[in-house]
Each structure stands twice: as C-alpha cells, then as structure tokens.
C-alpha cells in the first residue's frame, strides 16, 4: 500500500475533466481478464455497452447492471470489461456495462436517462433478477437508479432490483461529508476541488441536491439490500456512511464495510492487494446470494 501511495501521489486531483479519459482507460484496461468470461459489444434499451458473460452461467434469468466510475466525465464500458469480468466469474452471472453519457458532451441528466433505459432494456429481454452495481460515480448512479426502479416497480408491477452493491460510491455531489476535510491528506487520489470541478461539468447550474444527481437525497424507503465497500482513507468515506444511516432510518438494510488503510476503489488493484481480492470476493458472494435467494430479511445498518 505504501508503494501504491507513492505511485498515486502525482495523480492526486488529476481526474477533473475529459483530458483524463485516455490515461484512466489505459489504467483500467491493465486489469487482468478473468478466466471463463466472454465479452461482446451490444445495445440494451438503446444504450451501447458491453456484455460480460460467464461460460457457466448459473441462472439465465439473472443479470448484473454495472456502472463504471469516472466522476461522470471519464471511464468507459470497454475499459471496465475485465474488472467487471472478475465479478462475473465469481458470481457466474452475466453483467451488462452501459456506456452511459459523459459530461461535458452529455451532461446531467443524460447518465440517469441512459441508466433507466438500460434497466428497462434488461427487463424487456425477460430478465427478472437484476442486481445493480458500480464504483465511485457509477456506484452513485446505481443507487440513483435503485430508488427510481423501486418506485417504478410499485407503480407498474415491473421487476424491482434484487439488490445493489457499490464500491466507494459518490452519493453526495454537494460534497458535504465531513471526511471531505478529515481525510483530505490521507486520500492519495481524490480532492474536493477536483470533485467540485467534475460536478460542475456534469450538473452545470443544476442543484447537486437533486435526488437524480445525489442518491443521498433520494427516497430511501423500501429499498432491497444494499452493500457498500469503501476505503478508510478516502474523502468519499462519509458518502457511504451517511447513505447507510439514512437507509437504516427508513428501516432498511445497508451494510458498510470500511477497509482499514485502503483508498478509493482499491478493489481494482486486487492483483496486488489482498484486501482488494477479499473485498471483490465478499461483494460477489453478496450479489450471488441475493440473486439466488429471495433476499435478506431487513436488518439494522451494520458498519
């Protein structure tokens, strides 16, 4: 971890605009491909993306809808295919990674509209067990979609997501968490200023407290189980803890795993970090359990 921190120091605060797309994608493409997983580009619900499919799928009626990270301005479905493929291999469940719209070319609410369309597309394909997942901004987008899809299911009778799993999710684009200050020195990658810049690119003059931008401010009642894994040394730590507290206040189940000494989306370094590998395994076990069963009984939040 010490060695990784030294390598990351020059990158601190660098994710602040589209100019970071090429180096970020190059980094994510270095993630090792999982054995027994195939990849194909496709369009689901009118949204382009990548299917990651296990050769030994356990349930053809189940799928994971995974949203990549990148602060709503960088990242791509193609660059993330190997990382998502690791989850697919562990769960033996196919995953679709949508290439949702990025700012500034396609600002808010384009990402949300694409997320809704991709989810509706999976339902139209006959998939009845859909888990949502994502990391960083993609984790936040998954949680935005979760609240919307649950509300839609109540109104229309369409399938509701089975669960959601998020790694270091960005749940509050207003950047009001206390760890924005208290973890500012410990975090070797993110800064409040860089997140504020990408939030402006994404939102323009739109309110950061809109529930469609920040799931922390959404309707968190009657949600299915939610699992969050977050690093102890990242400024987005409170984005997970505050979201979980609000879910618990609504009587829901949201468990937060805080990993000692870890940083933002440390799971992408699973080849080097035992914690990264252990976290991915725990997330996959959660997703697999939820997709293979009727879901957990609602409990109080655990941190």
Protein backbone atom coordinates (compact mmCIF):
# COMPACT_ATOMS: atom_id res chain seq x y z
CA UNK A 1 0.00 0.00 0.00
CA UNK A 2 2.91 2.34 0.76
CA UNK A 3 4.33 1.70 -2.70
CA UNK A 4 0.96 2.27 -4.33
CA UNK A 5 0.51 5.55 -2.49
CA UNK A 6 3.86 6.77 -3.84
CA UNK A 7 2.79 5.92 -7.37
CA UNK A 8 -0.59 7.63 -6.94
CA UNK A 9 0.71 10.89 -5.43
CA UNK A 10 1.44 12.57 -8.81
CA UNK A 11 -2.13 11.71 -9.88
CA UNK A 12 -3.84 13.36 -6.91
CA UNK A 13 -6.62 15.65 -8.10
CA UNK A 14 -5.90 14.89 -11.77
CA UNK A 15 -9.36 13.50 -12.53
CA UNK A 16 -11.03 16.81 -13.24
CA UNK A 17 -12.01 16.73 -16.91
CA UNK A 18 -12.13 14.82 -20.21
CA UNK A 19 -8.35 15.09 -20.65
CA UNK A 20 -8.02 12.27 -18.11
CA UNK A 21 -10.02 9.80 -20.23
CA UNK A 22 -7.14 8.19 -22.12
CA UNK A 23 -4.83 7.61 -19.13
CA UNK A 24 -7.72 6.40 -16.97
CA UNK A 25 -8.92 3.93 -19.58
CA UNK A 26 -5.36 2.76 -20.14
CA UNK A 27 -5.03 2.05 -16.42
CA UNK A 28 -8.32 0.14 -16.22
CA UNK A 29 -7.50 -1.91 -19.30
CA UNK A 30 -4.49 -3.31 -17.48
CA UNK A 31 -6.78 -5.24 -15.13
CA UNK A 32 -6.34 -8.94 -15.80
CA UNK A 33 -9.13 -10.72 -17.65
CA UNK A 34 -10.98 -13.39 -15.70
CA UNK A 35 -10.93 -16.95 -17.00
CA UNK A 36 -14.16 -18.33 -18.38
CA UNK A 37 -15.69 -14.95 -19.29
CA UNK A 38 -16.54 -13.76 -22.80
CA UNK A 39 -17.13 -10.17 -23.92
CA UNK A 40 -19.27 -8.67 -26.65
CA UNK A 41 -20.43 -5.18 -27.52
CA UNK A 42 -24.19 -4.80 -27.63
CA UNK A 43 -27.06 -2.38 -27.29
CA UNK A 44 -29.59 -2.78 -24.48
CA UNK A 45 -32.56 -0.43 -24.27
CA UNK A 46 -30.95 1.77 -26.90
CA UNK A 47 -27.78 2.15 -24.82
CA UNK A 48 -24.50 0.81 -26.15
CA UNK A 49 -22.28 -1.17 -23.83
CA UNK A 50 -20.50 -4.45 -23.18
CA UNK A 51 -21.87 -7.81 -22.09
CA UNK A 52 -19.58 -9.82 -19.84
CA UNK A 53 -20.82 -13.41 -19.81
CA UNK A 54 -19.62 -16.45 -17.86
CA UNK A 55 -19.32 -19.66 -19.81
CA UNK A 56 -21.07 -21.47 -16.93
CA UNK A 57 -23.93 -19.08 -16.11
CA UNK A 58 -25.85 -20.24 -13.05
CA UNK A 59 -29.17 -18.56 -13.91
CA UNK A 60 -30.19 -17.28 -17.33
CA UNK A 61 -32.89 -15.09 -15.79
CA UNK A 62 -30.37 -13.10 -13.71
CA UNK A 63 -28.03 -10.26 -14.63
CA UNK A 64 -25.89 -7.54 -13.06
CA UNK A 65 -26.19 -4.00 -14.38
CA UNK A 66 -22.79 -2.44 -13.66
CA UNK A 67 -22.00 1.29 -13.90
CA UNK A 68 -18.35 2.28 -14.29
CA UNK A 69 -16.68 5.02 -12.30
CA UNK A 70 -15.05 8.21 -13.51
CA UNK A 71 -16.77 11.21 -11.86
CA UNK A 72 -19.32 11.36 -14.72
CA UNK A 73 -16.66 12.69 -17.12
CA UNK A 74 -14.29 9.76 -17.77
CA UNK A 75 -14.34 5.96 -17.86
CA UNK A 76 -15.84 3.58 -20.41
CA UNK A 77 -17.61 0.27 -20.66
CA UNK A 78 -14.82 -1.19 -22.79
CA UNK A 79 -12.09 -0.18 -20.34
CA UNK A 80 -14.01 -1.72 -17.44
CA UNK A 81 -14.84 -5.05 -19.07
CA UNK A 82 -12.02 -7.00 -17.41
CA UNK A 83 -12.73 -5.57 -13.96
CA UNK A 84 -16.43 -6.39 -14.24
CA UNK A 85 -15.47 -9.75 -15.68
CA UNK A 86 -13.86 -10.60 -12.35
CA UNK A 87 -17.23 -10.15 -10.62
CA UNK A 88 -18.94 -12.12 -13.37
CA UNK A 89 -16.51 -15.00 -12.90
CA UNK A 90 -17.08 -15.07 -9.14
CA UNK A 91 -20.89 -14.84 -9.35
CA UNK A 92 -21.36 -16.88 -12.54
CA UNK A 93 -23.83 -14.17 -13.58
CA UNK A 94 -23.75 -12.11 -16.77
CA UNK A 95 -23.23 -8.37 -16.45
CA UNK A 96 -24.03 -5.52 -18.82
CA UNK A 97 -21.85 -2.41 -18.58
CA UNK A 98 -23.61 0.53 -20.27
CA UNK A 99 -21.63 3.27 -21.97
CA UNK A 100 -23.73 5.97 -20.33
CA UNK A 101 -23.39 9.59 -21.42
CA UNK A 102 -20.43 11.56 -20.06
CA UNK A 103 -20.10 15.28 -19.40
CA UNK A 104 -19.47 17.82 -20.71
CA UNK A 105 -20.71 16.45 -24.05
CA UNK A 106 -23.77 14.87 -22.44
CA UNK A 107 -24.38 16.50 -19.06
CA UNK A 108 -26.99 15.68 -16.41
CA UNK A 109 -29.46 14.02 -16.68
CA UNK A 110 -28.06 12.01 -19.62
CA UNK A 111 -26.36 9.42 -17.39
CA UNK A 112 -29.58 8.87 -15.44
CA UNK A 113 -31.65 8.57 -18.61
CA UNK A 114 -29.21 6.01 -20.02
CA UNK A 115 -29.27 4.08 -16.75
CA UNK A 116 -33.07 3.93 -16.80
CA UNK A 117 -33.09 2.87 -20.45
CA UNK A 118 -30.55 0.11 -19.86
CA UNK A 119 -32.52 -1.23 -16.91
CA UNK A 120 -35.75 -1.17 -18.92
CA UNK A 121 -33.91 -2.92 -21.72
CA UNK A 122 -32.86 -5.76 -19.42
CA UNK A 123 -36.45 -6.13 -18.23
CA UNK A 124 -37.61 -6.20 -21.87
CA UNK A 125 -35.16 -9.05 -22.51
CA UNK A 126 -37.06 -11.08 -19.92
CA UNK A 127 -34.54 -10.82 -17.10
CA UNK A 128 -36.39 -10.99 -13.80
CA UNK A 129 -33.48 -10.92 -11.32
CA UNK A 130 -31.39 -7.79 -11.79
CA UNK A 131 -28.71 -6.63 -9.37
CA UNK A 132 -27.26 -3.13 -9.62
CA UNK A 133 -23.59 -2.44 -9.01
CA UNK A 134 -20.94 0.19 -9.64
CA UNK A 135 -17.96 2.08 -8.33
CA UNK A 136 -17.37 5.75 -7.50
CA UNK A 137 -19.72 7.87 -9.63
CA UNK A 138 -21.03 4.63 -11.12
CA UNK A 139 -21.87 3.44 -7.63
CA UNK A 140 -23.81 6.64 -7.06
CA UNK A 141 -25.59 6.21 -10.39
CA UNK A 142 -26.54 2.65 -9.43
CA UNK A 143 -28.11 3.97 -6.22
CA UNK A 144 -29.95 6.72 -8.10
CA UNK A 145 -31.38 4.03 -10.37
CA UNK A 146 -32.21 1.85 -7.38
CA UNK A 147 -34.57 4.42 -5.84
CA UNK A 148 -36.17 5.14 -9.22
CA UNK A 149 -36.61 1.47 -10.16
CA UNK A 150 -38.15 0.60 -6.79
CA UNK A 151 -40.66 3.44 -7.18
CA UNK A 152 -41.44 2.35 -10.75
CA UNK A 153 -41.97 -1.23 -9.65
CA UNK A 154 -44.59 -0.11 -7.14
CA UNK A 155 -46.45 1.81 -9.84
CA UNK A 156 -46.13 -0.57 -12.79
CA UNK A 157 -45.51 -4.01 -11.36
CA UNK A 158 -42.25 -4.33 -13.32
CA UNK A 159 -39.39 -6.21 -11.65
CA UNK A 160 -37.61 -4.31 -8.90
CA UNK A 161 -33.83 -4.66 -8.48
CA UNK A 162 -32.89 -7.57 -6.24
CA UNK A 163 -30.08 -5.64 -4.53
CA UNK A 164 -27.28 -3.12 -5.05
CA UNK A 165 -23.56 -3.23 -4.37
CA UNK A 166 -21.35 -0.15 -4.53
CA UNK A 167 -17.62 0.41 -4.17
CA UNK A 168 -16.65 3.86 -2.86
CA UNK A 169 -19.91 5.38 -4.17
CA UNK A 170 -20.25 9.12 -4.76
CA UNK A 171 -23.65 9.72 -3.18
CA UNK A 172 -23.48 13.46 -2.47
CA UNK A 173 -22.41 15.77 -5.28
CA UNK A 174 -22.80 18.68 -2.85
CA UNK A 175 -19.61 17.37 -1.19
CA UNK A 176 -20.93 17.92 2.32
CA UNK A 177 -19.42 14.88 4.03
CA UNK A 178 -17.12 15.53 6.98
CA UNK A 179 -14.45 13.25 5.51
CA UNK A 180 -14.03 15.71 2.63
CA UNK A 181 -11.96 17.58 5.22
CA UNK A 182 -10.79 14.94 7.69
CA UNK A 183 -9.47 12.52 5.00
CA UNK A 184 -8.12 15.20 2.64
CA UNK A 185 -4.47 14.44 3.45
CA UNK A 186 -4.91 10.68 3.73
CA UNK A 187 -6.57 10.32 0.31
CA UNK A 188 -3.80 9.95 -2.32
CA UNK A 189 -6.10 10.27 -5.33
CA UNK A 190 -9.18 12.47 -4.88
CA UNK A 191 -9.50 16.08 -3.80
CA UNK A 192 -12.58 18.11 -3.02
CA UNK A 193 -11.62 20.64 -5.69
CA UNK A 194 -11.32 18.03 -8.42
CA UNK A 195 -14.70 16.53 -7.50
CA UNK A 196 -16.25 20.01 -7.44
CA UNK A 197 -14.90 20.61 -10.96
CA UNK A 198 -16.37 17.39 -12.34
CA UNK A 199 -19.66 18.01 -10.53
CA UNK A 200 -19.93 21.38 -12.29
CA UNK A 201 -19.16 19.79 -15.66
CA UNK A 202 -21.87 17.22 -15.04
CA UNK A 203 -24.55 19.38 -13.40
CA UNK A 204 -23.98 22.85 -14.81
CA UNK A 205 -26.30 25.11 -12.80
CA UNK A 206 -28.48 22.21 -11.65
CA UNK A 207 -28.75 21.56 -7.94
CA UNK A 208 -26.35 18.97 -6.54
CA UNK A 209 -29.06 18.01 -4.06
CA UNK A 210 -31.43 16.75 -6.75
CA UNK A 211 -32.12 13.07 -5.89
CA UNK A 212 -31.35 12.17 -9.51
CA UNK A 213 -27.85 13.59 -9.04
CA UNK A 214 -27.17 12.64 -5.42
CA UNK A 215 -28.84 9.44 -4.18
CA UNK A 216 -28.19 10.57 -0.61
CA UNK A 217 -31.14 12.96 -1.10
CA UNK A 218 -33.45 10.41 -2.73
CA UNK A 219 -36.31 8.28 -1.44
CA UNK A 220 -34.58 5.51 0.50
CA UNK A 221 -37.70 3.75 1.78
CA UNK A 222 -38.41 0.10 0.93
CA UNK A 223 -35.10 -0.50 -0.81
CA UNK A 224 -33.75 -4.02 -1.31
CA UNK A 225 -30.48 -4.89 0.47
CA UNK A 226 -27.54 -2.57 -0.25
CA UNK A 227 -23.87 -3.38 0.33
CA UNK A 228 -21.09 -0.79 0.30
CA UNK A 229 -17.33 -1.28 0.47
CA UNK A 230 -15.22 1.84 0.99
CA UNK A 231 -11.64 2.68 1.95
CA UNK A 232 -10.86 4.18 5.34
CA UNK A 233 -8.51 6.73 3.75
CA UNK A 234 -10.73 8.37 1.16
CA UNK A 235 -12.66 11.60 1.18
CA UNK A 236 -15.81 9.79 0.00
CA UNK A 237 -15.96 7.65 3.15
CA UNK A 238 -18.87 9.62 4.59
CA UNK A 239 -20.78 9.30 1.31
CA UNK A 240 -21.25 5.64 2.22
CA UNK A 241 -21.75 6.05 5.95
CA UNK A 242 -24.35 8.83 5.66
CA UNK A 243 -26.30 6.96 2.98
CA UNK A 244 -26.35 3.83 5.15
CA UNK A 245 -27.53 5.79 8.18
CA UNK A 246 -30.44 7.20 6.19
CA UNK A 247 -31.42 3.78 4.87
CA UNK A 248 -31.34 2.44 8.43
CA UNK A 249 -33.55 5.32 9.49
CA UNK A 250 -36.11 4.10 6.96
CA UNK A 251 -35.96 0.59 8.36
CA UNK A 252 -33.87 -0.76 5.50
CA UNK A 253 -30.74 -2.92 5.26
CA UNK A 254 -27.49 -1.27 4.19
CA UNK A 255 -24.18 -2.69 5.32
CA UNK A 256 -20.97 -0.67 5.05
CA UNK A 257 -17.57 -2.35 5.09
CA UNK A 258 -14.80 0.17 5.84
CA UNK A 259 -11.39 -1.24 4.86
CA UNK A 260 -8.51 -0.11 7.05
CA UNK A 261 -5.80 1.83 5.21
CA UNK A 262 -7.48 1.41 1.83
CA UNK A 263 -8.15 4.08 -0.77
CA UNK A 264 -10.70 4.86 -3.47
CA UNK A 265 -11.91 1.76 -5.37
CA UNK A 266 -8.97 -0.27 -4.07
CA UNK A 267 -10.67 -3.38 -5.46
CA UNK A 268 -9.30 -2.56 -8.93
CA UNK A 269 -5.87 -3.46 -7.53
CA UNK A 270 -6.96 -6.95 -6.50
CA UNK A 271 -3.86 -8.47 -8.12
CA UNK A 272 -1.60 -6.59 -5.69
CA UNK A 273 -3.77 -6.08 -2.62
CA UNK A 274 -5.11 -8.95 -0.57
CA UNK A 275 -7.78 -6.54 0.68
CA UNK A 276 -8.82 -5.85 -2.91
CA UNK A 277 -9.23 -9.53 -3.65
CA UNK A 278 -11.08 -10.15 -0.37
CA UNK A 279 -13.42 -7.23 -0.99
CA UNK A 280 -14.29 -8.37 -4.51
CA UNK A 281 -14.96 -11.87 -3.20
CA UNK A 282 -17.27 -10.55 -0.45
CA UNK A 283 -19.16 -8.34 -2.92
CA UNK A 284 -19.56 -11.26 -5.34
CA UNK A 285 -20.83 -13.50 -2.54
CA UNK A 286 -23.40 -10.88 -1.59
CA UNK A 287 -24.59 -10.49 -5.19
CA UNK A 288 -24.69 -14.23 -5.74
CA UNK A 289 -26.66 -14.83 -2.54
CA UNK A 290 -29.21 -12.14 -3.33
CA UNK A 291 -29.68 -13.32 -6.91
CA UNK A 292 -30.07 -16.95 -5.86
CA UNK A 293 -32.47 -16.31 -2.99
CA UNK A 294 -35.47 -14.19 -2.12
CA UNK A 295 -33.19 -11.67 -0.37
CA UNK A 296 -32.10 -10.90 3.13
CA UNK A 297 -34.51 -10.03 5.90
CA UNK A 298 -34.22 -6.33 6.59
CA UNK A 299 -31.88 -5.57 9.44
CA UNK A 300 -30.38 -2.57 11.10
CA UNK A 301 -27.39 -1.00 9.41
CA UNK A 302 -24.01 -2.53 10.27
CA UNK A 303 -20.77 -0.61 9.97
